[in-house]
């Protein structure tokens, strides 16, 4: 599974650093290092909807407050 988080300026201001750090921690906590490829990219072109995240190409708007819910619904449920 490939997860890409926008780290462009608009998403950065909306907390992309916190989203990346939390996703990294959740991947580690769940022992998914071999199953999840976590990366970053610059602008995805949907700045109003940031923090922009794609999971296997599907777009999501995630915030530091919703990252745990995103991980449960869109990562763990697809891998388990």
PDB file of N, CA and C in Angstrom:
ATOM      1  N   UNK A   1       0.838  -1.174   0.000  1.00  0.00           N
ATOM      2  CA  UNK A   1       0.000   0.000   0.000  1.00  0.00           C
ATOM      3  C   UNK A   1       0.886   1.241   0.000  1.00  0.00           C
ATOM      4  N   UNK A   2       0.535   2.202  -0.846  1.00  0.00           N
ATOM      5  CA  UNK A   2       1.312   3.435  -0.925  1.00  0.00           C
ATOM      6  C   UNK A   2       0.471   4.602  -0.417  1.00  0.00           C
ATOM      7  N   UNK A   3       0.984   5.299   0.592  1.00  0.00           N
ATOM      8  CA  UNK A   3       0.344   6.498   1.132  1.00  0.00           C
ATOM      9  C   UNK A   3       1.256   7.672   0.849  1.00  0.00           C
ATOM     10  N   UNK A   4       0.695   8.705   0.222  1.00  0.00           N
ATOM     11  CA  UNK A   4       1.460   9.904  -0.101  1.00  0.00           C
ATOM     12  C   UNK A   4       0.776  11.106   0.552  1.00  0.00           C
ATOM     13  N   UNK A   5       1.554  11.894   1.270  1.00  0.00           N
ATOM     14  CA  UNK A   5       1.040  13.073   1.958  1.00  0.00           C
ATOM     15  C   UNK A   5       1.637  14.311   1.308  1.00  0.00           C
ATOM     16  N   UNK A   6       0.786  15.289   1.008  1.00  0.00           N
ATOM     17  CA  UNK A   6       1.273  16.553   0.462  1.00  0.00           C
ATOM     18  C   UNK A   6       2.020  17.320   1.541  1.00  0.00           C
ATOM     19  N   UNK A   7       3.203  17.799   1.191  1.00  0.00           N
ATOM     20  CA  UNK A   7       3.986  18.611   2.123  1.00  0.00           C
ATOM     21  C   UNK A   7       4.238  19.999   1.538  1.00  0.00           C
ATOM     22  N   UNK A   8       3.386  20.376   0.578  1.00  0.00           N
ATOM     23  CA  UNK A   8       3.461  21.718  -0.002  1.00  0.00           C
ATOM     24  C   UNK A   8       3.084  22.766   1.032  1.00  0.00           C
ATOM     25  N   UNK A   9       3.264  24.030   0.695  1.00  0.00           N
ATOM     26  CA  UNK A   9       3.103  25.099   1.677  1.00  0.00           C
ATOM     27  C   UNK A   9       1.702  25.178   2.277  1.00  0.00           C
ATOM     28  N   UNK A  10       0.663  25.040   1.477  1.00  0.00           N
ATOM     29  CA  UNK A  10      -0.704  25.130   2.007  1.00  0.00           C
ATOM     30  C   UNK A  10      -0.990  23.980   2.971  1.00  0.00           C
ATOM     31  N   UNK A  11      -0.648  22.772   2.569  1.00  0.00           N
ATOM     32  CA  UNK A  11      -0.874  21.611   3.442  1.00  0.00           C
ATOM     33  C   UNK A  11       0.041  21.660   4.663  1.00  0.00           C
ATOM     34  N   UNK A  12       1.237  22.181   4.494  1.00  0.00           N
ATOM     35  CA  UNK A  12       2.152  22.321   5.626  1.00  0.00           C
ATOM     36  C   UNK A  12       1.513  23.206   6.697  1.00  0.00           C
ATOM     37  N   UNK A  13       0.917  24.315   6.250  1.00  0.00           N
ATOM     38  CA  UNK A  13       0.265  25.228   7.193  1.00  0.00           C
ATOM     39  C   UNK A  13      -0.932  24.578   7.879  1.00  0.00           C
ATOM     40  N   UNK A  14      -1.521  23.576   7.243  1.00  0.00           N
ATOM     41  CA  UNK A  14      -2.685  22.888   7.808  1.00  0.00           C
ATOM     42  C   UNK A  14      -2.300  21.666   8.631  1.00  0.00           C
ATOM     43  N   UNK A  15      -1.007  21.401   8.768  1.00  0.00           N
ATOM     44  CA  UNK A  15      -0.556  20.345   9.671  1.00  0.00           C
ATOM     45  C   UNK A  15      -0.013  19.094   9.021  1.00  0.00           C
ATOM     46  N   UNK A  16       0.469  19.179   7.778  1.00  0.00           N
ATOM     47  CA  UNK A  16       0.949  17.965   7.116  1.00  0.00           C
ATOM     48  C   UNK A  16       2.114  17.310   7.868  1.00  0.00           C
ATOM     49  N   UNK A  17       2.947  18.101   8.514  1.00  0.00           N
ATOM     50  CA  UNK A  17       4.070  17.530   9.278  1.00  0.00           C
ATOM     51  C   UNK A  17       3.532  16.623  10.389  1.00  0.00           C
ATOM     52  N   UNK A  18       2.508  17.083  11.091  1.00  0.00           N
ATOM     53  CA  UNK A  18       1.905  16.281  12.156  1.00  0.00           C
ATOM     54  C   UNK A  18       1.236  15.026  11.595  1.00  0.00           C
ATOM     55  N   UNK A  19       0.596  15.149  10.431  1.00  0.00           N
ATOM     56  CA  UNK A  19      -0.055  14.008   9.789  1.00  0.00           C
ATOM     57  C   UNK A  19       0.994  12.960   9.425  1.00  0.00           C
ATOM     58  N   UNK A  20       2.094  13.397   8.811  1.00  0.00           N
ATOM     59  CA  UNK A  20       3.160  12.466   8.427  1.00  0.00           C
ATOM     60  C   UNK A  20       3.734  11.770   9.657  1.00  0.00           C
ATOM     61  N   UNK A  21       4.021  12.530  10.696  1.00  0.00           N
ATOM     62  CA  UNK A  21       4.610  11.953  11.903  1.00  0.00           C
ATOM     63  C   UNK A  21       3.673  10.937  12.549  1.00  0.00           C
ATOM     64  N   UNK A  22       2.381  11.248  12.586  1.00  0.00           N
ATOM     65  CA  UNK A  22       1.412  10.337  13.199  1.00  0.00           C
ATOM     66  C   UNK A  22       1.244   9.073  12.346  1.00  0.00           C
ATOM     67  N   UNK A  23       1.163   9.239  11.020  1.00  0.00           N
ATOM     68  CA  UNK A  23       1.055   8.073  10.143  1.00  0.00           C
ATOM     69  C   UNK A  23       2.276   7.166  10.297  1.00  0.00           C
ATOM     70  N   UNK A  24       3.453   7.768  10.362  1.00  0.00           N
ATOM     71  CA  UNK A  24       4.682   6.996  10.551  1.00  0.00           C
ATOM     72  C   UNK A  24       4.604   6.199  11.856  1.00  0.00           C
ATOM     73  N   UNK A  25       4.167   6.859  12.930  1.00  0.00           N
ATOM     74  CA  UNK A  25       4.052   6.192  14.227  1.00  0.00           C
ATOM     75  C   UNK A  25       3.037   5.054  14.166  1.00  0.00           C
ATOM     76  N   UNK A  26       1.905   5.272  13.503  1.00  0.00           N
ATOM     77  CA  UNK A  26       0.868   4.242  13.412  1.00  0.00           C
ATOM     78  C   UNK A  26       1.354   3.037  12.598  1.00  0.00           C
ATOM     79  N   UNK A  27       2.097   3.303  11.543  1.00  0.00           N
ATOM     80  CA  UNK A  27       2.668   2.205  10.745  1.00  0.00           C
ATOM     81  C   UNK A  27       3.604   1.383  11.623  1.00  0.00           C
ATOM     82  N   UNK A  28       4.445   2.053  12.392  1.00  0.00           N
ATOM     83  CA  UNK A  28       5.394   1.366  13.272  1.00  0.00           C
ATOM     84  C   UNK A  28       4.656   0.573  14.357  1.00  0.00           C
ATOM     85  N   UNK A  29       3.682   1.220  15.019  1.00  0.00           N
ATOM     86  CA  UNK A  29       2.951   0.594  16.117  1.00  0.00           C
ATOM     87  C   UNK A  29       2.222  -0.670  15.669  1.00  0.00           C
ATOM     88  N   UNK A  30       1.778  -0.672  14.420  1.00  0.00           N
ATOM     89  CA  UNK A  30       1.019  -1.809  13.902  1.00  0.00           C
ATOM     90  C   UNK A  30       1.880  -2.799  13.129  1.00  0.00           C
ATOM     91  N   UNK A  31       3.201  -2.583  13.122  1.00  0.00           N
ATOM     92  CA  UNK A  31       4.127  -3.502  12.463  1.00  0.00           C
ATOM     93  C   UNK A  31       3.905  -3.622  10.962  1.00  0.00           C
ATOM     94  N   UNK A  32       3.561  -2.509  10.322  1.00  0.00           N
ATOM     95  CA  UNK A  32       3.223  -2.535   8.900  1.00  0.00           C
ATOM     96  C   UNK A  32       4.321  -1.967   8.001  1.00  0.00           C
ATOM     97  N   UNK A  33       5.545  -1.908   8.508  1.00  0.00           N
ATOM     98  CA  UNK A  33       6.646  -1.331   7.747  1.00  0.00           C
ATOM     99  C   UNK A  33       6.832  -2.017   6.397  1.00  0.00           C
ATOM    100  N   UNK A  34       6.564  -3.312   6.322  1.00  0.00           N
ATOM    101  CA  UNK A  34       6.751  -4.061   5.079  1.00  0.00           C
ATOM    102  C   UNK A  34       5.543  -3.958   4.147  1.00  0.00           C
ATOM    103  N   UNK A  35       4.434  -3.428   4.661  1.00  0.00           N
ATOM    104  CA  UNK A  35       3.205  -3.382   3.869  1.00  0.00           C
ATOM    105  C   UNK A  35       2.786  -1.977   3.451  1.00  0.00           C
ATOM    106  N   UNK A  36       3.320  -0.966   4.125  1.00  0.00           N
ATOM    107  CA  UNK A  36       2.930   0.411   3.844  1.00  0.00           C
ATOM    108  C   UNK A  36       4.156   1.225   3.444  1.00  0.00           C
ATOM    109  N   UNK A  37       4.055   1.865   2.278  1.00  0.00           N
ATOM    110  CA  UNK A  37       5.096   2.769   1.787  1.00  0.00           C
ATOM    111  C   UNK A  37       4.574   4.180   1.995  1.00  0.00           C
ATOM    112  N   UNK A  38       5.150   4.896   2.968  1.00  0.00           N
ATOM    113  CA  UNK A  38       4.721   6.245   3.307  1.00  0.00           C
ATOM    114  C   UNK A  38       5.669   7.249   2.667  1.00  0.00           C
ATOM    115  N   UNK A  39       5.124   8.175   1.874  1.00  0.00           N
ATOM    116  CA  UNK A  39       5.955   9.151   1.196  1.00  0.00           C
ATOM    117  C   UNK A  39       5.316  10.523   1.195  1.00  0.00           C
ATOM    118  N   UNK A  40       6.054  11.470   0.661  1.00  0.00           N
ATOM    119  CA  UNK A  40       5.567  12.842   0.567  1.00  0.00           C
ATOM    120  C   UNK A  40       5.697  13.356  -0.851  1.00  0.00           C
ATOM    121  N   UNK A  41       4.936  14.390  -1.137  1.00  0.00           N
ATOM    122  CA  UNK A  41       4.998  15.041  -2.442  1.00  0.00           C
ATOM    123  C   UNK A  41       4.636  16.497  -2.253  1.00  0.00           C
ATOM    124  N   UNK A  42       4.969  17.297  -3.256  1.00  0.00           N
ATOM    125  CA  UNK A  42       4.534  18.683  -3.208  1.00  0.00           C
ATOM    126  C   UNK A  42       3.185  18.797  -3.882  1.00  0.00           C
ATOM    127  N   UNK A  43       2.631  19.938  -3.924  1.00  0.00           N
ATOM    128  CA  UNK A  43       1.239  20.247  -4.264  1.00  0.00           C
ATOM    129  C   UNK A  43       0.514  19.202  -5.123  1.00  0.00           C
ATOM    130  N   UNK A  44      -0.635  18.776  -4.613  1.00  0.00           N
ATOM    131  CA  UNK A  44      -1.515  17.853  -5.329  1.00  0.00           C
ATOM    132  C   UNK A  44      -2.615  18.604  -6.073  1.00  0.00           C
ATOM    133  N   UNK A  45      -2.622  19.931  -5.943  1.00  0.00           N
ATOM    134  CA  UNK A  45      -3.582  20.751  -6.674  1.00  0.00           C
ATOM    135  C   UNK A  45      -4.951  20.878  -6.021  1.00  0.00           C
ATOM    136  N   UNK A  46      -5.081  20.436  -4.795  1.00  0.00           N
ATOM    137  CA  UNK A  46      -6.362  20.534  -4.087  1.00  0.00           C
ATOM    138  C   UNK A  46      -6.138  21.248  -2.754  1.00  0.00           C
ATOM    139  N   UNK A  47      -5.483  22.390  -2.827  1.00  0.00           N
ATOM    140  CA  UNK A  47      -5.024  23.099  -1.632  1.00  0.00           C
ATOM    141  C   UNK A  47      -6.151  23.434  -0.653  1.00  0.00           C
ATOM    142  N   UNK A  48      -7.332  23.737  -1.157  1.00  0.00           N
ATOM    143  CA  UNK A  48      -8.450  24.078  -0.273  1.00  0.00           C
ATOM    144  C   UNK A  48      -8.890  22.888   0.562  1.00  0.00           C
ATOM    145  N   UNK A  49      -8.566  21.673   0.118  1.00  0.00           N
ATOM    146  CA  UNK A  49      -9.027  20.467   0.793  1.00  0.00           C
ATOM    147  C   UNK A  49      -7.968  19.839   1.691  1.00  0.00           C
ATOM    148  N   UNK A  50      -6.795  20.466   1.788  1.00  0.00           N
ATOM    149  CA  UNK A  50      -5.678  19.861   2.519  1.00  0.00           C
ATOM    150  C   UNK A  50      -5.957  19.624   3.976  1.00  0.00           C
ATOM    151  N   UNK A  51      -5.188  18.791   4.599  1.00  0.00           N
ATOM    152  CA  UNK A  51      -3.978  18.129   4.157  1.00  0.00           C
ATOM    153  C   UNK A  51      -4.362  17.015   3.173  1.00  0.00           C
ATOM    154  N   UNK A  52      -3.768  17.088   1.983  1.00  0.00           N
ATOM    155  CA  UNK A  52      -4.080  16.130   0.927  1.00  0.00           C
ATOM    156  C   UNK A  52      -3.273  14.845   1.111  1.00  0.00           C
ATOM    157  N   UNK A  53      -3.982  13.722   1.059  1.00  0.00           N
ATOM    158  CA  UNK A  53      -3.355  12.412   1.222  1.00  0.00           C
ATOM    159  C   UNK A  53      -3.950  11.480   0.174  1.00  0.00           C
ATOM    160  N   UNK A  54      -3.095  10.677  -0.459  1.00  0.00           N
ATOM    161  CA  UNK A  54      -3.611   9.616  -1.314  1.00  0.00           C
ATOM    162  C   UNK A  54      -3.209   8.271  -0.715  1.00  0.00           C
ATOM    163  N   UNK A  55      -4.125   7.338  -0.842  1.00  0.00           N
ATOM    164  CA  UNK A  55      -3.897   5.968  -0.380  1.00  0.00           C
ATOM    165  C   UNK A  55      -4.172   5.079  -1.578  1.00  0.00           C
ATOM    166  N   UNK A  56      -3.103   4.507  -2.136  1.00  0.00           N
ATOM    167  CA  UNK A  56      -3.198   3.731  -3.376  1.00  0.00           C
ATOM    168  C   UNK A  56      -3.933   4.510  -4.464  1.00  0.00           C
ATOM    169  N   UNK A  57      -3.632   5.815  -4.545  1.00  0.00           N
ATOM    170  CA  UNK A  57      -4.175   6.667  -5.590  1.00  0.00           C
ATOM    171  C   UNK A  57      -5.514   7.311  -5.274  1.00  0.00           C
ATOM    172  N   UNK A  58      -6.182   6.891  -4.202  1.00  0.00           N
ATOM    173  CA  UNK A  58      -7.474   7.471  -3.831  1.00  0.00           C
ATOM    174  C   UNK A  58      -7.231   8.680  -2.928  1.00  0.00           C
ATOM    175  N   UNK A  59      -7.898   9.806  -3.247  1.00  0.00           N
ATOM    176  CA  UNK A  59      -7.679  11.064  -2.532  1.00  0.00           C
ATOM    177  C   UNK A  59      -8.479  11.130  -1.237  1.00  0.00           C
ATOM    178  N   UNK A  60      -7.824  11.692  -0.203  1.00  0.00           N
ATOM    179  CA  UNK A  60      -8.472  11.943   1.083  1.00  0.00           C
ATOM    180  C   UNK A  60      -8.011  13.296   1.611  1.00  0.00           C
ATOM    181  N   UNK A  61      -8.877  13.948   2.356  1.00  0.00           N
ATOM    182  CA  UNK A  61      -8.514  15.151   3.087  1.00  0.00           C
ATOM    183  C   UNK A  61      -8.370  14.742   4.549  1.00  0.00           C
ATOM    184  N   UNK A  62      -7.168  14.911   5.096  1.00  0.00           N
ATOM    185  CA  UNK A  62      -6.868  14.448   6.451  1.00  0.00           C
ATOM    186  C   UNK A  62      -6.330  15.629   7.247  1.00  0.00           C
ATOM    187  N   UNK A  63      -6.623  15.659   8.527  1.00  0.00           N
ATOM    188  CA  UNK A  63      -6.059  16.681   9.405  1.00  0.00           C
ATOM    189  C   UNK A  63      -5.376  15.978  10.570  1.00  0.00           C
ATOM    190  N   UNK A  64      -4.589  16.717  11.340  1.00  0.00           N
ATOM    191  CA  UNK A  64      -3.985  16.084  12.512  1.00  0.00           C
ATOM    192  C   UNK A  64      -5.040  15.483  13.447  1.00  0.00           C
ATOM    193  N   UNK A  65      -6.245  16.050  13.447  1.00  0.00           N
ATOM    194  CA  UNK A  65      -7.318  15.540  14.308  1.00  0.00           C
ATOM    195  C   UNK A  65      -7.994  14.291  13.755  1.00  0.00           C
ATOM    196  N   UNK A  66      -7.902  14.053  12.447  1.00  0.00           N
ATOM    197  CA  UNK A  66      -8.608  12.916  11.845  1.00  0.00           C
ATOM    198  C   UNK A  66      -7.675  11.814  11.353  1.00  0.00           C
ATOM    199  N   UNK A  67      -6.377  11.966  11.578  1.00  0.00           N
ATOM    200  CA  UNK A  67      -5.415  11.009  11.024  1.00  0.00           C
ATOM    201  C   UNK A  67      -5.596   9.603  11.592  1.00  0.00           C
ATOM    202  N   UNK A  68      -5.922   9.469  12.872  1.00  0.00           N
ATOM    203  CA  UNK A  68      -6.117   8.146  13.451  1.00  0.00           C
ATOM    204  C   UNK A  68      -7.331   7.456  12.822  1.00  0.00           C
ATOM    205  N   UNK A  69      -8.409   8.206  12.654  1.00  0.00           N
ATOM    206  CA  UNK A  69      -9.618   7.665  12.017  1.00  0.00           C
ATOM    207  C   UNK A  69      -9.323   7.267  10.569  1.00  0.00           C
ATOM    208  N   UNK A  70      -8.596   8.119   9.848  1.00  0.00           N
ATOM    209  CA  UNK A  70      -8.201   7.802   8.473  1.00  0.00           C
ATOM    210  C   UNK A  70      -7.423   6.492   8.432  1.00  0.00           C
ATOM    211  N   UNK A  71      -6.473   6.326   9.341  1.00  0.00           N
ATOM    212  CA  UNK A  71      -5.637   5.128   9.367  1.00  0.00           C
ATOM    213  C   UNK A  71      -6.482   3.880   9.623  1.00  0.00           C
ATOM    214  N   UNK A  72      -7.394   3.962  10.582  1.00  0.00           N
ATOM    215  CA  UNK A  72      -8.257   2.817  10.895  1.00  0.00           C
ATOM    216  C   UNK A  72      -9.118   2.427   9.702  1.00  0.00           C
ATOM    217  N   UNK A  73      -9.784   3.420   9.102  1.00  0.00           N
ATOM    218  CA  UNK A  73     -10.754   3.161   8.032  1.00  0.00           C
ATOM    219  C   UNK A  73     -10.113   2.810   6.697  1.00  0.00           C
ATOM    220  N   UNK A  74      -8.982   3.422   6.387  1.00  0.00           N
ATOM    221  CA  UNK A  74      -8.445   3.326   5.038  1.00  0.00           C
ATOM    222  C   UNK A  74      -7.135   2.566   4.915  1.00  0.00           C
ATOM    223  N   UNK A  75      -6.500   2.279   6.031  1.00  0.00           N
ATOM    224  CA  UNK A  75      -5.252   1.515   5.982  1.00  0.00           C
ATOM    225  C   UNK A  75      -5.450   0.156   6.625  1.00  0.00           C
ATOM    226  N   UNK A  76      -5.751   0.150   7.916  1.00  0.00           N
ATOM    227  CA  UNK A  76      -5.894  -1.137   8.613  1.00  0.00           C
ATOM    228  C   UNK A  76      -6.987  -1.999   8.000  1.00  0.00           C
ATOM    229  N   UNK A  77      -8.102  -1.391   7.643  1.00  0.00           N
ATOM    230  CA  UNK A  77      -9.219  -2.184   7.097  1.00  0.00           C
ATOM    231  C   UNK A  77      -8.872  -2.801   5.749  1.00  0.00           C
ATOM    232  N   UNK A  78      -7.981  -2.183   4.985  1.00  0.00           N
ATOM    233  CA  UNK A  78      -7.604  -2.711   3.680  1.00  0.00           C
ATOM    234  C   UNK A  78      -6.495  -3.754   3.774  1.00  0.00           C
ATOM    235  N   UNK A  79      -5.705  -3.683   4.810  1.00  0.00           N
ATOM    236  CA  UNK A  79      -4.571  -4.601   4.946  1.00  0.00           C
ATOM    237  C   UNK A  79      -4.982  -5.864   5.709  1.00  0.00           C
ATOM    238  N   UNK A  80      -5.830  -5.664   6.723  1.00  0.00           N
ATOM    239  CA  UNK A  80      -6.217  -6.795   7.589  1.00  0.00           C
ATOM    240  C   UNK A  80      -7.135  -7.780   6.906  1.00  0.00           C
TER     241      UNK A  80
END
